[in-house]
């Protein structure tokens, strides 16, 4: 709980704003709506990541992989860079190390959001 609050203040709100902005821009076109929805889903995860994790969606297929390639070009690289920079900055302090590691953990879903789902930690 305390890590989520610290995360929200130091990193989560800014990352969630980035994902929300990407989602809004992608939802402007009808074609971009699937990526926009995925971006909004990750924005909620970026706000409150501790206690949740990502896992592959077993029903995802080839279309998800093609969609992920398009996502990387449109927004994925920039969001992954934001996680990397934020993670490095947070790891410079002792209290920020778990938060930085959480940022690094979110890089794969920022690059390939389709075909993954966010689930509670069991």
N, C-alpha and C. Protein backbone atom coordinates (compact mmCIF):
# COMPACT_ATOMS: atom_id res chain seq x y z
N UNK A 1 0.83 -1.19 0.00
CA UNK A 1 0.00 0.00 0.00
C UNK A 1 0.88 1.26 0.00
N UNK A 2 1.86 1.30 0.89
CA UNK A 2 2.71 2.49 0.98
C UNK A 2 3.54 2.66 -0.29
N UNK A 3 3.99 1.53 -0.88
CA UNK A 3 4.74 1.64 -2.14
C UNK A 3 3.88 2.20 -3.25
N UNK A 4 2.60 1.83 -3.28
CA UNK A 4 1.70 2.37 -4.31
C UNK A 4 1.53 3.87 -4.16
N UNK A 5 1.44 4.36 -2.93
CA UNK A 5 1.27 5.80 -2.71
C UNK A 5 2.54 6.54 -3.13
N UNK A 6 3.70 6.03 -2.73
CA UNK A 6 4.96 6.66 -3.14
C UNK A 6 5.11 6.60 -4.66
N UNK A 7 4.76 5.45 -5.23
CA UNK A 7 4.81 5.28 -6.68
C UNK A 7 3.94 6.31 -7.38
N UNK A 8 2.71 6.48 -6.87
CA UNK A 8 1.77 7.41 -7.48
C UNK A 8 2.34 8.82 -7.52
N UNK A 9 2.98 9.23 -6.44
CA UNK A 9 3.52 10.59 -6.36
C UNK A 9 4.77 10.78 -7.22
N UNK A 10 5.66 9.78 -7.23
CA UNK A 10 6.94 9.96 -7.91
C UNK A 10 6.94 9.58 -9.38
N UNK A 11 6.11 8.62 -9.76
CA UNK A 11 6.21 8.11 -11.12
C UNK A 11 4.86 7.81 -11.76
N UNK A 12 3.96 7.25 -10.99
CA UNK A 12 2.71 6.73 -11.54
C UNK A 12 1.84 7.74 -12.24
N UNK A 13 1.68 8.91 -11.65
CA UNK A 13 0.79 9.90 -12.25
C UNK A 13 1.31 10.36 -13.60
N UNK A 14 2.62 10.53 -13.71
CA UNK A 14 3.21 11.01 -14.96
C UNK A 14 3.14 9.94 -16.05
N UNK A 15 3.40 8.70 -15.67
CA UNK A 15 3.31 7.63 -16.65
C UNK A 15 1.87 7.41 -17.08
N UNK A 16 0.94 7.48 -16.14
CA UNK A 16 -0.48 7.32 -16.48
C UNK A 16 -0.94 8.42 -17.42
N UNK A 17 -0.46 9.63 -17.21
CA UNK A 17 -0.81 10.73 -18.11
C UNK A 17 -0.27 10.44 -19.52
N UNK A 18 0.94 9.91 -19.61
CA UNK A 18 1.51 9.55 -20.91
C UNK A 18 0.69 8.49 -21.61
N UNK A 19 0.31 7.44 -20.88
CA UNK A 19 -0.51 6.38 -21.48
C UNK A 19 -1.89 6.91 -21.87
N UNK A 20 -2.48 7.76 -21.03
CA UNK A 20 -3.79 8.31 -21.34
C UNK A 20 -3.73 9.21 -22.57
N UNK A 21 -2.70 10.03 -22.66
CA UNK A 21 -2.52 10.88 -23.84
C UNK A 21 -2.36 10.03 -25.10
N UNK A 22 -1.55 8.98 -25.02
CA UNK A 22 -1.39 8.09 -26.17
C UNK A 22 -2.72 7.44 -26.53
N UNK A 23 -3.49 7.03 -25.52
CA UNK A 23 -4.79 6.40 -25.77
C UNK A 23 -5.77 7.36 -26.44
N UNK A 24 -5.80 8.59 -25.98
CA UNK A 24 -6.70 9.58 -26.58
C UNK A 24 -6.31 9.84 -28.03
N UNK A 25 -5.03 10.00 -28.29
CA UNK A 25 -4.58 10.26 -29.67
C UNK A 25 -4.89 9.07 -30.58
N UNK A 26 -4.73 7.85 -30.05
CA UNK A 26 -5.00 6.68 -30.87
C UNK A 26 -6.50 6.47 -31.10
N UNK A 27 -7.32 6.88 -30.16
CA UNK A 27 -8.77 6.70 -30.30
C UNK A 27 -9.41 7.73 -31.23
N UNK A 28 -8.64 8.72 -31.66
CA UNK A 28 -9.18 9.71 -32.60
C UNK A 28 -9.60 9.02 -33.90
N UNK A 29 -8.81 8.06 -34.32
CA UNK A 29 -9.16 7.30 -35.52
C UNK A 29 -9.84 6.00 -35.11
N UNK A 30 -10.70 5.51 -35.93
CA UNK A 30 -11.39 4.25 -35.64
C UNK A 30 -10.40 3.10 -35.64
N UNK A 31 -9.42 3.15 -36.51
CA UNK A 31 -8.43 2.08 -36.61
C UNK A 31 -7.60 1.97 -35.33
N UNK A 32 -7.34 3.09 -34.67
CA UNK A 32 -6.49 3.09 -33.48
C UNK A 32 -7.17 2.72 -32.18
N UNK A 33 -8.48 2.47 -32.20
CA UNK A 33 -9.21 2.21 -30.96
C UNK A 33 -8.67 1.01 -30.18
N UNK A 34 -8.33 -0.13 -30.80
CA UNK A 34 -7.78 -1.24 -29.99
C UNK A 34 -6.52 -0.86 -29.22
N UNK A 35 -5.65 -0.06 -29.85
CA UNK A 35 -4.44 0.38 -29.16
C UNK A 35 -4.77 1.41 -28.08
N UNK A 36 -5.75 2.25 -28.35
CA UNK A 36 -6.19 3.22 -27.34
C UNK A 36 -6.73 2.54 -26.11
N UNK A 37 -7.55 1.51 -26.30
CA UNK A 37 -8.09 0.76 -25.16
C UNK A 37 -6.97 0.09 -24.38
N UNK A 38 -6.01 -0.49 -25.09
CA UNK A 38 -4.86 -1.11 -24.41
C UNK A 38 -4.06 -0.07 -23.64
N UNK A 39 -3.93 1.11 -24.20
CA UNK A 39 -3.20 2.18 -23.53
C UNK A 39 -3.92 2.62 -22.25
N UNK A 40 -5.24 2.72 -22.29
CA UNK A 40 -6.00 3.08 -21.09
C UNK A 40 -5.88 1.99 -20.02
N UNK A 41 -5.85 0.73 -20.45
CA UNK A 41 -5.69 -0.39 -19.52
C UNK A 41 -4.34 -0.31 -18.81
N UNK A 42 -3.30 0.01 -19.56
CA UNK A 42 -1.97 0.11 -18.97
C UNK A 42 -1.87 1.36 -18.10
N UNK A 43 -2.60 2.41 -18.44
CA UNK A 43 -2.60 3.64 -17.63
C UNK A 43 -3.09 3.33 -16.22
N UNK A 44 -4.11 2.50 -16.09
CA UNK A 44 -4.60 2.14 -14.75
C UNK A 44 -3.55 1.30 -14.01
N UNK A 45 -2.85 0.45 -14.73
CA UNK A 45 -1.78 -0.34 -14.13
C UNK A 45 -0.61 0.55 -13.72
N UNK A 46 -0.32 1.58 -14.52
CA UNK A 46 0.77 2.50 -14.20
C UNK A 46 0.46 3.34 -12.97
N UNK A 47 -0.82 3.56 -12.69
CA UNK A 47 -1.19 4.33 -11.49
C UNK A 47 -0.98 3.53 -10.21
N UNK A 48 -1.25 2.23 -10.23
CA UNK A 48 -1.28 1.41 -9.01
C UNK A 48 -0.74 0.02 -9.33
N UNK A 49 0.58 -0.14 -9.56
CA UNK A 49 1.10 -1.42 -10.05
C UNK A 49 1.32 -2.50 -8.98
N UNK A 50 1.59 -2.11 -7.76
CA UNK A 50 1.93 -3.11 -6.75
C UNK A 50 0.68 -3.88 -6.36
N UNK A 51 0.79 -5.20 -6.33
CA UNK A 51 -0.36 -6.06 -6.08
C UNK A 51 -0.97 -6.60 -7.36
N UNK A 52 -0.43 -6.16 -8.50
CA UNK A 52 -0.88 -6.67 -9.80
C UNK A 52 0.34 -7.04 -10.63
N UNK A 53 0.12 -7.89 -11.60
CA UNK A 53 1.20 -8.32 -12.48
C UNK A 53 0.63 -8.53 -13.88
N UNK A 54 1.52 -8.75 -14.83
CA UNK A 54 1.09 -9.02 -16.20
C UNK A 54 1.36 -10.48 -16.52
N UNK A 55 0.50 -11.05 -17.36
CA UNK A 55 0.71 -12.41 -17.83
C UNK A 55 0.21 -12.50 -19.26
N UNK A 56 0.80 -13.42 -20.03
CA UNK A 56 0.34 -13.58 -21.42
C UNK A 56 -1.11 -14.04 -21.47
N UNK A 57 -1.84 -13.52 -22.43
CA UNK A 57 -3.22 -13.92 -22.64
C UNK A 57 -3.20 -15.14 -23.56
N UNK A 58 -3.68 -16.30 -23.08
CA UNK A 58 -3.59 -17.51 -23.91
C UNK A 58 -4.42 -17.45 -25.19
N UNK A 59 -5.40 -16.57 -25.25
CA UNK A 59 -6.23 -16.49 -26.44
C UNK A 59 -5.67 -15.52 -27.49
N UNK A 60 -4.55 -14.90 -27.21
CA UNK A 60 -3.95 -13.96 -28.17
C UNK A 60 -3.34 -14.73 -29.33
N UNK A 61 -3.44 -14.14 -30.50
CA UNK A 61 -2.93 -14.82 -31.69
C UNK A 61 -1.99 -13.95 -32.49
N UNK A 62 -1.94 -14.23 -33.77
CA UNK A 62 -1.05 -13.53 -34.69
C UNK A 62 -1.45 -12.07 -34.82
N UNK A 63 -2.74 -11.78 -34.76
CA UNK A 63 -3.20 -10.39 -34.89
C UNK A 63 -2.62 -9.52 -33.77
N UNK A 64 -2.50 -10.09 -32.58
CA UNK A 64 -1.91 -9.34 -31.46
C UNK A 64 -0.46 -9.01 -31.74
N UNK A 65 0.26 -9.95 -32.31
CA UNK A 65 1.68 -9.70 -32.61
C UNK A 65 1.82 -8.63 -33.69
N UNK A 66 1.00 -8.67 -34.71
CA UNK A 66 1.03 -7.64 -35.75
C UNK A 66 0.66 -6.28 -35.15
N UNK A 67 -0.36 -6.28 -34.29
CA UNK A 67 -0.75 -5.05 -33.61
C UNK A 67 0.34 -4.49 -32.73
N UNK A 68 1.11 -5.38 -32.09
CA UNK A 68 2.21 -4.93 -31.24
C UNK A 68 3.32 -4.27 -32.05
N UNK A 69 3.57 -4.78 -33.24
CA UNK A 69 4.59 -4.17 -34.10
C UNK A 69 4.16 -2.74 -34.46
N UNK A 70 2.90 -2.57 -34.80
CA UNK A 70 2.39 -1.23 -35.11
C UNK A 70 2.45 -0.34 -33.87
N UNK A 71 2.10 -0.90 -32.69
CA UNK A 71 2.15 -0.15 -31.43
C UNK A 71 3.55 0.35 -31.13
N UNK A 72 4.56 -0.50 -31.35
CA UNK A 72 5.95 -0.10 -31.08
C UNK A 72 6.30 1.15 -31.88
N UNK A 73 5.88 1.18 -33.14
CA UNK A 73 6.18 2.33 -33.98
C UNK A 73 5.42 3.57 -33.52
N UNK A 74 4.14 3.41 -33.17
CA UNK A 74 3.31 4.57 -32.82
C UNK A 74 3.61 5.15 -31.44
N UNK A 75 3.73 4.31 -30.42
CA UNK A 75 3.86 4.85 -29.07
C UNK A 75 4.76 4.02 -28.16
N UNK A 76 4.96 2.78 -28.45
CA UNK A 76 5.66 1.88 -27.54
C UNK A 76 7.08 2.28 -27.19
N UNK A 77 7.82 2.70 -28.18
CA UNK A 77 9.22 3.07 -27.94
C UNK A 77 9.29 4.24 -26.95
N UNK A 78 8.45 5.24 -27.14
CA UNK A 78 8.50 6.43 -26.29
C UNK A 78 8.07 6.11 -24.87
N UNK A 79 7.07 5.27 -24.71
CA UNK A 79 6.63 4.90 -23.36
C UNK A 79 7.66 4.01 -22.68
N UNK A 80 8.31 3.13 -23.43
CA UNK A 80 9.37 2.30 -22.85
C UNK A 80 10.56 3.17 -22.41
N UNK A 81 10.89 4.17 -23.20
CA UNK A 81 11.97 5.09 -22.81
C UNK A 81 11.58 5.84 -21.54
N UNK A 82 10.31 6.24 -21.43
CA UNK A 82 9.85 6.92 -20.20
C UNK A 82 10.01 6.01 -18.99
N UNK A 83 9.68 4.72 -19.15
CA UNK A 83 9.86 3.78 -18.04
C UNK A 83 11.34 3.60 -17.71
N UNK A 84 12.17 3.52 -18.72
CA UNK A 84 13.61 3.33 -18.49
C UNK A 84 14.21 4.52 -17.77
N UNK A 85 13.92 5.72 -18.24
CA UNK A 85 14.47 6.93 -17.61
C UNK A 85 13.95 7.07 -16.18
N UNK A 86 12.66 6.86 -15.99
CA UNK A 86 12.08 6.96 -14.65
C UNK A 86 12.66 5.89 -13.73
N UNK A 87 12.83 4.68 -14.24
CA UNK A 87 13.40 3.60 -13.43
C UNK A 87 14.83 3.88 -13.00
N UNK A 88 15.63 4.39 -13.91
CA UNK A 88 17.02 4.73 -13.57
C UNK A 88 17.05 5.83 -12.53
N UNK A 89 16.23 6.86 -12.71
CA UNK A 89 16.19 7.97 -11.75
C UNK A 89 15.75 7.48 -10.37
N UNK A 90 14.78 6.60 -10.32
CA UNK A 90 14.30 6.11 -9.02
C UNK A 90 15.33 5.19 -8.36
N UNK A 91 16.09 4.45 -9.15
CA UNK A 91 17.10 3.54 -8.57
C UNK A 91 18.30 4.28 -7.99
N UNK A 92 18.40 5.57 -8.22
CA UNK A 92 19.51 6.34 -7.65
C UNK A 92 19.36 6.54 -6.15
N UNK A 93 18.17 6.31 -5.62
CA UNK A 93 17.95 6.44 -4.18
C UNK A 93 17.62 5.07 -3.60
N UNK A 94 17.92 4.88 -2.33
CA UNK A 94 17.64 3.59 -1.68
C UNK A 94 16.15 3.31 -1.66
N UNK A 95 15.34 4.28 -1.28
CA UNK A 95 13.89 4.06 -1.19
C UNK A 95 13.26 3.87 -2.56
N UNK A 96 13.91 4.37 -3.60
CA UNK A 96 13.36 4.29 -4.94
C UNK A 96 13.68 3.01 -5.69
N UNK A 97 14.54 2.15 -5.13
CA UNK A 97 14.94 0.94 -5.85
C UNK A 97 13.74 0.05 -6.17
N UNK A 98 12.83 -0.25 -5.23
CA UNK A 98 11.67 -1.08 -5.61
C UNK A 98 10.80 -0.41 -6.67
N UNK A 99 10.73 0.91 -6.64
CA UNK A 99 9.94 1.63 -7.62
C UNK A 99 10.61 1.59 -9.00
N UNK A 100 11.92 1.71 -9.00
CA UNK A 100 12.66 1.61 -10.26
C UNK A 100 12.53 0.23 -10.88
N UNK A 101 12.59 -0.80 -10.03
CA UNK A 101 12.42 -2.17 -10.53
C UNK A 101 11.01 -2.38 -11.09
N UNK A 102 10.02 -1.75 -10.47
CA UNK A 102 8.65 -1.83 -10.99
C UNK A 102 8.56 -1.15 -12.36
N UNK A 103 9.29 -0.06 -12.54
CA UNK A 103 9.33 0.59 -13.85
C UNK A 103 9.93 -0.34 -14.90
N UNK A 104 11.03 -1.00 -14.54
CA UNK A 104 11.66 -1.92 -15.48
C UNK A 104 10.73 -3.09 -15.80
N UNK A 105 9.94 -3.52 -14.83
CA UNK A 105 9.00 -4.62 -15.02
C UNK A 105 7.89 -4.24 -16.00
N UNK A 106 7.60 -2.95 -16.12
CA UNK A 106 6.53 -2.50 -17.00
C UNK A 106 7.00 -2.25 -18.44
N UNK A 107 8.29 -2.32 -18.71
CA UNK A 107 8.79 -2.07 -20.06
C UNK A 107 8.23 -3.08 -21.07
N UNK A 108 8.18 -4.40 -20.76
CA UNK A 108 7.64 -5.31 -21.78
C UNK A 108 6.19 -5.01 -22.17
N UNK A 109 5.34 -4.67 -21.22
CA UNK A 109 3.95 -4.37 -21.58
C UNK A 109 3.84 -3.02 -22.27
N UNK A 110 4.78 -2.11 -22.02
CA UNK A 110 4.74 -0.83 -22.74
C UNK A 110 5.14 -1.02 -24.20
N UNK A 111 5.91 -2.05 -24.49
CA UNK A 111 6.29 -2.34 -25.87
C UNK A 111 5.29 -3.23 -26.58
N UNK A 112 4.66 -4.15 -25.84
CA UNK A 112 3.73 -5.10 -26.46
C UNK A 112 2.48 -5.26 -25.59
N UNK A 113 1.55 -4.30 -25.66
CA UNK A 113 0.38 -4.36 -24.79
C UNK A 113 -0.68 -5.36 -25.23
N UNK A 114 -0.73 -5.66 -26.51
CA UNK A 114 -1.74 -6.60 -26.99
C UNK A 114 -1.24 -8.02 -26.75
N UNK A 115 -2.10 -8.86 -26.24
CA UNK A 115 -1.72 -10.24 -25.95
C UNK A 115 -1.30 -10.45 -24.51
N UNK A 116 -1.40 -9.41 -23.69
CA UNK A 116 -1.11 -9.53 -22.26
C UNK A 116 -2.30 -9.04 -21.48
N UNK A 117 -2.45 -9.53 -20.28
CA UNK A 117 -3.51 -9.04 -19.39
C UNK A 117 -2.91 -8.74 -18.03
N UNK A 118 -3.57 -7.84 -17.33
CA UNK A 118 -3.14 -7.42 -16.00
C UNK A 118 -4.01 -8.15 -14.99
N UNK A 119 -3.36 -8.86 -14.07
CA UNK A 119 -4.10 -9.68 -13.11
C UNK A 119 -3.58 -9.40 -11.70
N UNK A 120 -4.40 -9.63 -10.67
CA UNK A 120 -3.92 -9.49 -9.30
C UNK A 120 -2.88 -10.55 -8.97
N UNK A 121 -1.93 -10.20 -8.12
CA UNK A 121 -0.92 -11.16 -7.67
C UNK A 121 -1.61 -12.15 -6.74
N UNK A 122 -1.38 -13.41 -6.97
CA UNK A 122 -2.03 -14.43 -6.15
C UNK A 122 -1.22 -14.76 -4.94
